[in-house]
């Protein structure tokens, strides 16, 4: 893997990890807001927050895979 390609993949993985962390923080904030709103509005916010958690998990998993690929290629090539 060329150095430039390696760097781009590393940056992409780092940005994906950062995005996942931001989504998790937003999710926590949404749950707090949902707790302050009774009824259907609060329930919708909780569902939205849970969906964000799933998305953050998916992004983090993909970022780990990309990071692992970069590490693997970096040691073998």
PDB file of N, CA and C in Angstrom:
ATOM      1  N   UNK A   1       0.856  -1.172   0.000  1.00  0.00           N
ATOM      2  CA  UNK A   1       0.000   0.000   0.000  1.00  0.00           C
ATOM      3  C   UNK A   1       0.899   1.230   0.000  1.00  0.00           C
ATOM      4  N   UNK A   2       0.610   2.149  -0.905  1.00  0.00           N
ATOM      5  CA  UNK A   2       1.431   3.359  -0.947  1.00  0.00           C
ATOM      6  C   UNK A   2       1.213   4.188   0.305  1.00  0.00           C
ATOM      7  N   UNK A   3       2.209   5.016   0.606  1.00  0.00           N
ATOM      8  CA  UNK A   3       2.099   5.851   1.798  1.00  0.00           C
ATOM      9  C   UNK A   3       0.903   6.779   1.764  1.00  0.00           C
ATOM     10  N   UNK A   4       0.644   7.357   0.587  1.00  0.00           N
ATOM     11  CA  UNK A   4      -0.495   8.279   0.464  1.00  0.00           C
ATOM     12  C   UNK A   4      -1.817   7.547   0.662  1.00  0.00           C
ATOM     13  N   UNK A   5      -1.930   6.363   0.059  1.00  0.00           N
ATOM     14  CA  UNK A   5      -3.151   5.567   0.202  1.00  0.00           C
ATOM     15  C   UNK A   5      -3.343   5.150   1.662  1.00  0.00           C
ATOM     16  N   UNK A   6      -2.266   4.767   2.300  1.00  0.00           N
ATOM     17  CA  UNK A   6      -2.284   4.389   3.719  1.00  0.00           C
ATOM     18  C   UNK A   6      -2.754   5.572   4.560  1.00  0.00           C
ATOM     19  N   UNK A   7      -2.201   6.755   4.290  1.00  0.00           N
ATOM     20  CA  UNK A   7      -2.576   7.959   5.042  1.00  0.00           C
ATOM     21  C   UNK A   7      -4.048   8.299   4.861  1.00  0.00           C
ATOM     22  N   UNK A   8      -4.549   8.177   3.631  1.00  0.00           N
ATOM     23  CA  UNK A   8      -5.969   8.480   3.374  1.00  0.00           C
ATOM     24  C   UNK A   8      -6.869   7.515   4.124  1.00  0.00           C
ATOM     25  N   UNK A   9      -6.513   6.251   4.118  1.00  0.00           N
ATOM     26  CA  UNK A   9      -7.326   5.263   4.842  1.00  0.00           C
ATOM     27  C   UNK A   9      -7.278   5.502   6.346  1.00  0.00           C
ATOM     28  N   UNK A  10      -6.104   5.858   6.835  1.00  0.00           N
ATOM     29  CA  UNK A  10      -5.961   6.151   8.257  1.00  0.00           C
ATOM     30  C   UNK A  10      -6.797   7.371   8.632  1.00  0.00           C
ATOM     31  N   UNK A  11      -6.731   8.423   7.835  1.00  0.00           N
ATOM     32  CA  UNK A  11      -7.537   9.628   8.102  1.00  0.00           C
ATOM     33  C   UNK A  11      -9.020   9.316   8.041  1.00  0.00           C
ATOM     34  N   UNK A  12      -9.417   8.514   7.045  1.00  0.00           N
ATOM     35  CA  UNK A  12     -10.833   8.144   6.928  1.00  0.00           C
ATOM     36  C   UNK A  12     -11.294   7.393   8.169  1.00  0.00           C
ATOM     37  N   UNK A  13     -10.492   6.438   8.624  1.00  0.00           N
ATOM     38  CA  UNK A  13     -10.852   5.679   9.825  1.00  0.00           C
ATOM     39  C   UNK A  13     -10.931   6.592  11.042  1.00  0.00           C
ATOM     40  N   UNK A  14      -9.977   7.513  11.162  1.00  0.00           N
ATOM     41  CA  UNK A  14      -9.992   8.452  12.293  1.00  0.00           C
ATOM     42  C   UNK A  14     -11.247   9.320  12.271  1.00  0.00           C
ATOM     43  N   UNK A  15     -11.607   9.815  11.087  1.00  0.00           N
ATOM     44  CA  UNK A  15     -12.810  10.646  10.970  1.00  0.00           C
ATOM     45  C   UNK A  15     -14.067   9.836  11.269  1.00  0.00           C
ATOM     46  N   UNK A  16     -14.097   8.598  10.842  1.00  0.00           N
ATOM     47  CA  UNK A  16     -15.248   7.748  11.132  1.00  0.00           C
ATOM     48  C   UNK A  16     -15.381   7.519  12.630  1.00  0.00           C
ATOM     49  N   UNK A  17     -14.259   7.274  13.308  1.00  0.00           N
ATOM     50  CA  UNK A  17     -14.305   7.116  14.769  1.00  0.00           C
ATOM     51  C   UNK A  17     -14.822   8.392  15.425  1.00  0.00           C
ATOM     52  N   UNK A  18     -14.350   9.535  14.961  1.00  0.00           N
ATOM     53  CA  UNK A  18     -14.795  10.811  15.509  1.00  0.00           C
ATOM     54  C   UNK A  18     -16.293  11.017  15.280  1.00  0.00           C
ATOM     55  N   UNK A  19     -16.764  10.710  14.087  1.00  0.00           N
ATOM     56  CA  UNK A  19     -18.191  10.839  13.797  1.00  0.00           C
ATOM     57  C   UNK A  19     -19.027   9.937  14.697  1.00  0.00           C
ATOM     58  N   UNK A  20     -18.559   8.732  14.919  1.00  0.00           N
ATOM     59  CA  UNK A  20     -19.284   7.814  15.801  1.00  0.00           C
ATOM     60  C   UNK A  20     -19.356   8.375  17.220  1.00  0.00           C
ATOM     61  N   UNK A  21     -18.261   8.963  17.687  1.00  0.00           N
ATOM     62  CA  UNK A  21     -18.254   9.538  19.036  1.00  0.00           C
ATOM     63  C   UNK A  21     -19.224  10.718  19.122  1.00  0.00           C
ATOM     64  N   UNK A  22     -19.262  11.545  18.095  1.00  0.00           N
ATOM     65  CA  UNK A  22     -20.180  12.697  18.088  1.00  0.00           C
ATOM     66  C   UNK A  22     -21.628  12.216  18.082  1.00  0.00           C
ATOM     67  N   UNK A  23     -21.905  11.186  17.298  1.00  0.00           N
ATOM     68  CA  UNK A  23     -23.263  10.633  17.292  1.00  0.00           C
ATOM     69  C   UNK A  23     -23.648  10.098  18.668  1.00  0.00           C
ATOM     70  N   UNK A  24     -22.729   9.454  19.343  1.00  0.00           N
ATOM     71  CA  UNK A  24     -23.005   8.938  20.690  1.00  0.00           C
ATOM     72  C   UNK A  24     -23.311  10.085  21.660  1.00  0.00           C
ATOM     73  N   UNK A  25     -22.546  11.168  21.560  1.00  0.00           N
ATOM     74  CA  UNK A  25     -22.798  12.329  22.421  1.00  0.00           C
ATOM     75  C   UNK A  25     -24.161  12.940  22.119  1.00  0.00           C
ATOM     76  N   UNK A  26     -24.503  13.018  20.845  1.00  0.00           N
ATOM     77  CA  UNK A  26     -25.809  13.555  20.447  1.00  0.00           C
ATOM     78  C   UNK A  26     -26.924  12.652  20.946  1.00  0.00           C
ATOM     79  N   UNK A  27     -26.687  11.358  20.864  1.00  0.00           N
ATOM     80  CA  UNK A  27     -27.669  10.387  21.347  1.00  0.00           C
ATOM     81  C   UNK A  27     -27.955  10.592  22.835  1.00  0.00           C
ATOM     82  N   UNK A  28     -26.909  10.799  23.604  1.00  0.00           N
ATOM     83  CA  UNK A  28     -27.088  11.025  25.042  1.00  0.00           C
ATOM     84  C   UNK A  28     -27.921  12.285  25.285  1.00  0.00           C
ATOM     85  N   UNK A  29     -27.636  13.323  24.538  1.00  0.00           N
ATOM     86  CA  UNK A  29     -28.377  14.575  24.670  1.00  0.00           C
ATOM     87  C   UNK A  29     -29.850  14.379  24.304  1.00  0.00           C
ATOM     88  N   UNK A  30     -30.100  13.617  23.261  1.00  0.00           N
ATOM     89  CA  UNK A  30     -31.489  13.352  22.868  1.00  0.00           C
ATOM     90  C   UNK A  30     -32.240  12.580  23.944  1.00  0.00           C
ATOM     91  N   UNK A  31     -31.582  11.631  24.586  1.00  0.00           N
ATOM     92  CA  UNK A  31     -32.245  10.884  25.664  1.00  0.00           C
ATOM     93  C   UNK A  31     -32.598  11.823  26.828  1.00  0.00           C
ATOM     94  N   UNK A  32     -31.710  12.749  27.142  1.00  0.00           N
ATOM     95  CA  UNK A  32     -32.003  13.721  28.206  1.00  0.00           C
ATOM     96  C   UNK A  32     -33.210  14.564  27.812  1.00  0.00           C
ATOM     97  N   UNK A  33     -33.227  15.045  26.581  1.00  0.00           N
ATOM     98  CA  UNK A  33     -34.365  15.839  26.100  1.00  0.00           C
ATOM     99  C   UNK A  33     -35.647  15.014  26.112  1.00  0.00           C
ATOM    100  N   UNK A  34     -35.532  13.753  25.718  1.00  0.00           N
ATOM    101  CA  UNK A  34     -36.702  12.879  25.695  1.00  0.00           C
ATOM    102  C   UNK A  34     -37.263  12.676  27.093  1.00  0.00           C
ATOM    103  N   UNK A  35     -36.380  12.553  28.080  1.00  0.00           N
ATOM    104  CA  UNK A  35     -36.833  12.370  29.460  1.00  0.00           C
ATOM    105  C   UNK A  35     -37.601  13.584  29.974  1.00  0.00           C
ATOM    106  N   UNK A  36     -37.327  14.746  29.393  1.00  0.00           N
ATOM    107  CA  UNK A  36     -37.991  15.981  29.818  1.00  0.00           C
ATOM    108  C   UNK A  36     -39.338  16.179  29.121  1.00  0.00           C
ATOM    109  N   UNK A  37     -39.645  15.351  28.131  1.00  0.00           N
ATOM    110  CA  UNK A  37     -40.884  15.492  27.367  1.00  0.00           C
ATOM    111  C   UNK A  37     -41.733  14.241  27.541  1.00  0.00           C
ATOM    112  N   UNK A  38     -42.831  14.362  28.232  1.00  0.00           N
ATOM    113  CA  UNK A  38     -43.693  13.186  28.389  1.00  0.00           C
ATOM    114  C   UNK A  38     -44.471  12.885  27.105  1.00  0.00           C
ATOM    115  N   UNK A  39     -44.919  11.680  26.994  1.00  0.00           N
ATOM    116  CA  UNK A  39     -45.798  11.316  25.900  1.00  0.00           C
ATOM    117  C   UNK A  39     -45.096  10.999  24.600  1.00  0.00           C
ATOM    118  N   UNK A  40     -45.835  11.129  23.515  1.00  0.00           N
ATOM    119  CA  UNK A  40     -45.338  10.722  22.199  1.00  0.00           C
ATOM    120  C   UNK A  40     -44.057  11.451  21.753  1.00  0.00           C
ATOM    121  N   UNK A  41     -43.935  12.717  22.086  1.00  0.00           N
ATOM    122  CA  UNK A  41     -42.733  13.459  21.677  1.00  0.00           C
ATOM    123  C   UNK A  41     -41.489  12.857  22.319  1.00  0.00           C
ATOM    124  N   UNK A  42     -41.568  12.562  23.596  1.00  0.00           N
ATOM    125  CA  UNK A  42     -40.441  11.944  24.282  1.00  0.00           C
ATOM    126  C   UNK A  42     -40.133  10.562  23.742  1.00  0.00           C
ATOM    127  N   UNK A  43     -41.173   9.802  23.448  1.00  0.00           N
ATOM    128  CA  UNK A  43     -40.978   8.460  22.898  1.00  0.00           C
ATOM    129  C   UNK A  43     -40.286   8.527  21.541  1.00  0.00           C
ATOM    130  N   UNK A  44     -40.689   9.490  20.708  1.00  0.00           N
ATOM    131  CA  UNK A  44     -40.049   9.651  19.388  1.00  0.00           C
ATOM    132  C   UNK A  44     -38.574  10.022  19.537  1.00  0.00           C
ATOM    133  N   UNK A  45     -38.283  10.906  20.483  1.00  0.00           N
ATOM    134  CA  UNK A  45     -36.889  11.291  20.703  1.00  0.00           C
ATOM    135  C   UNK A  45     -36.052  10.104  21.175  1.00  0.00           C
ATOM    136  N   UNK A  46     -36.621   9.276  22.049  1.00  0.00           N
ATOM    137  CA  UNK A  46     -35.906   8.076  22.494  1.00  0.00           C
ATOM    138  C   UNK A  46     -35.638   7.138  21.314  1.00  0.00           C
ATOM    139  N   UNK A  47     -36.624   6.965  20.443  1.00  0.00           N
ATOM    140  CA  UNK A  47     -36.422   6.095  19.268  1.00  0.00           C
ATOM    141  C   UNK A  47     -35.350   6.674  18.353  1.00  0.00           C
ATOM    142  N   UNK A  48     -35.376   7.979  18.159  1.00  0.00           N
ATOM    143  CA  UNK A  48     -34.367   8.629  17.324  1.00  0.00           C
ATOM    144  C   UNK A  48     -32.975   8.439  17.936  1.00  0.00           C
ATOM    145  N   UNK A  49     -32.885   8.627  19.246  1.00  0.00           N
ATOM    146  CA  UNK A  49     -31.602   8.452  19.929  1.00  0.00           C
ATOM    147  C   UNK A  49     -31.107   7.019  19.786  1.00  0.00           C
ATOM    148  N   UNK A  50     -32.008   6.061  19.921  1.00  0.00           N
ATOM    149  CA  UNK A  50     -31.616   4.653  19.772  1.00  0.00           C
ATOM    150  C   UNK A  50     -31.138   4.362  18.352  1.00  0.00           C
ATOM    151  N   UNK A  51     -31.787   4.960  17.369  1.00  0.00           N
ATOM    152  CA  UNK A  51     -31.359   4.782  15.978  1.00  0.00           C
ATOM    153  C   UNK A  51     -29.971   5.390  15.771  1.00  0.00           C
ATOM    154  N   UNK A  52     -29.712   6.512  16.426  1.00  0.00           N
ATOM    155  CA  UNK A  52     -28.390   7.128  16.319  1.00  0.00           C
ATOM    156  C   UNK A  52     -27.328   6.230  16.930  1.00  0.00           C
ATOM    157  N   UNK A  53     -27.661   5.563  18.018  1.00  0.00           N
ATOM    158  CA  UNK A  53     -26.727   4.635  18.649  1.00  0.00           C
ATOM    159  C   UNK A  53     -26.380   3.500  17.685  1.00  0.00           C
ATOM    160  N   UNK A  54     -27.383   2.979  17.012  1.00  0.00           N
ATOM    161  CA  UNK A  54     -27.136   1.914  16.040  1.00  0.00           C
ATOM    162  C   UNK A  54     -26.238   2.407  14.914  1.00  0.00           C
ATOM    163  N   UNK A  55     -26.527   3.598  14.417  1.00  0.00           N
ATOM    164  CA  UNK A  55     -25.716   4.165  13.342  1.00  0.00           C
ATOM    165  C   UNK A  55     -24.282   4.390  13.801  1.00  0.00           C
ATOM    166  N   UNK A  56     -24.131   4.931  15.002  1.00  0.00           N
ATOM    167  CA  UNK A  56     -22.786   5.158  15.546  1.00  0.00           C
ATOM    168  C   UNK A  56     -22.034   3.841  15.665  1.00  0.00           C
ATOM    169  N   UNK A  57     -22.715   2.805  16.104  1.00  0.00           N
ATOM    170  CA  UNK A  57     -22.085   1.487  16.215  1.00  0.00           C
ATOM    171  C   UNK A  57     -21.647   0.949  14.861  1.00  0.00           C
ATOM    172  N   UNK A  58     -22.501   1.139  13.853  1.00  0.00           N
ATOM    173  CA  UNK A  58     -22.148   0.696  12.499  1.00  0.00           C
ATOM    174  C   UNK A  58     -20.919   1.435  11.989  1.00  0.00           C
ATOM    175  N   UNK A  59     -20.890   2.746  12.189  1.00  0.00           N
ATOM    176  CA  UNK A  59     -19.757   3.552  11.737  1.00  0.00           C
ATOM    177  C   UNK A  59     -18.482   3.129  12.466  1.00  0.00           C
ATOM    178  N   UNK A  60     -18.576   2.945  13.771  1.00  0.00           N
ATOM    179  CA  UNK A  60     -17.403   2.542  14.552  1.00  0.00           C
ATOM    180  C   UNK A  60     -16.890   1.179  14.104  1.00  0.00           C
ATOM    181  N   UNK A  61     -17.799   0.264  13.802  1.00  0.00           N
ATOM    182  CA  UNK A  61     -17.403  -1.067  13.342  1.00  0.00           C
ATOM    183  C   UNK A  61     -16.678  -0.975  11.996  1.00  0.00           C
ATOM    184  N   UNK A  62     -17.202  -0.174  11.095  1.00  0.00           N
ATOM    185  CA  UNK A  62     -16.542   0.005   9.797  1.00  0.00           C
ATOM    186  C   UNK A  62     -15.178   0.668   9.972  1.00  0.00           C
ATOM    187  N   UNK A  63     -15.102   1.630  10.860  1.00  0.00           N
ATOM    188  CA  UNK A  63     -13.823   2.311  11.108  1.00  0.00           C
ATOM    189  C   UNK A  63     -12.800   1.335  11.670  1.00  0.00           C
ATOM    190  N   UNK A  64     -13.229   0.461  12.586  1.00  0.00           N
ATOM    191  CA  UNK A  64     -12.314  -0.548  13.133  1.00  0.00           C
ATOM    192  C   UNK A  64     -11.812  -1.467  12.025  1.00  0.00           C
ATOM    193  N   UNK A  65     -12.716  -1.869  11.134  1.00  0.00           N
ATOM    194  CA  UNK A  65     -12.319  -2.723  10.022  1.00  0.00           C
ATOM    195  C   UNK A  65     -11.303  -2.039   9.125  1.00  0.00           C
ATOM    196  N   UNK A  66     -11.523  -0.764   8.861  1.00  0.00           N
ATOM    197  CA  UNK A  66     -10.589  -0.012   8.031  1.00  0.00           C
ATOM    198  C   UNK A  66      -9.254   0.153   8.741  1.00  0.00           C
ATOM    199  N   UNK A  67      -9.295   0.454  10.025  1.00  0.00           N
ATOM    200  CA  UNK A  67      -8.056   0.579  10.809  1.00  0.00           C
ATOM    201  C   UNK A  67      -7.292  -0.732  10.831  1.00  0.00           C
ATOM    202  N   UNK A  68      -8.003  -1.823  11.024  1.00  0.00           N
ATOM    203  CA  UNK A  68      -7.368  -3.143  11.037  1.00  0.00           C
ATOM    204  C   UNK A  68      -6.728  -3.449   9.681  1.00  0.00           C
ATOM    205  N   UNK A  69      -7.421  -3.088   8.602  1.00  0.00           N
ATOM    206  CA  UNK A  69      -6.882  -3.307   7.260  1.00  0.00           C
ATOM    207  C   UNK A  69      -5.603  -2.501   7.053  1.00  0.00           C
ATOM    208  N   UNK A  70      -5.604  -1.252   7.501  1.00  0.00           N
ATOM    209  CA  UNK A  70      -4.421  -0.405   7.363  1.00  0.00           C
ATOM    210  C   UNK A  70      -3.265  -1.012   8.145  1.00  0.00           C
ATOM    211  N   UNK A  71      -3.532  -1.442   9.372  1.00  0.00           N
ATOM    212  CA  UNK A  71      -2.470  -2.041  10.207  1.00  0.00           C
ATOM    213  C   UNK A  71      -1.937  -3.315   9.569  1.00  0.00           C
ATOM    214  N   UNK A  72      -2.854  -4.136   9.081  1.00  0.00           N
ATOM    215  CA  UNK A  72      -2.459  -5.401   8.477  1.00  0.00           C
ATOM    216  C   UNK A  72      -1.589  -5.174   7.240  1.00  0.00           C
ATOM    217  N   UNK A  73      -2.005  -4.274   6.388  1.00  0.00           N
ATOM    218  CA  UNK A  73      -1.238  -3.987   5.175  1.00  0.00           C
ATOM    219  C   UNK A  73       0.064  -3.268   5.502  1.00  0.00           C
ATOM    220  N   UNK A  74       0.044  -2.488   6.554  1.00  0.00           N
ATOM    221  CA  UNK A  74       1.253  -1.768   6.932  1.00  0.00           C
ATOM    222  C   UNK A  74       2.346  -2.687   7.425  1.00  0.00           C
ATOM    223  N   UNK A  75       1.986  -3.800   8.031  1.00  0.00           N
ATOM    224  CA  UNK A  75       2.991  -4.733   8.554  1.00  0.00           C
ATOM    225  C   UNK A  75       3.373  -5.793   7.551  1.00  0.00           C
ATOM    226  N   UNK A  76       2.515  -5.998   6.532  1.00  0.00           N
ATOM    227  CA  UNK A  76       2.800  -7.071   5.578  1.00  0.00           C
ATOM    228  C   UNK A  76       3.371  -6.560   4.276  1.00  0.00           C
ATOM    229  N   UNK A  77       3.317  -5.242   4.040  1.00  0.00           N
ATOM    230  CA  UNK A  77       3.758  -4.738   2.755  1.00  0.00           C
ATOM    231  C   UNK A  77       4.825  -3.791   2.949  1.00  0.00           C
TER     232      UNK A  77
END
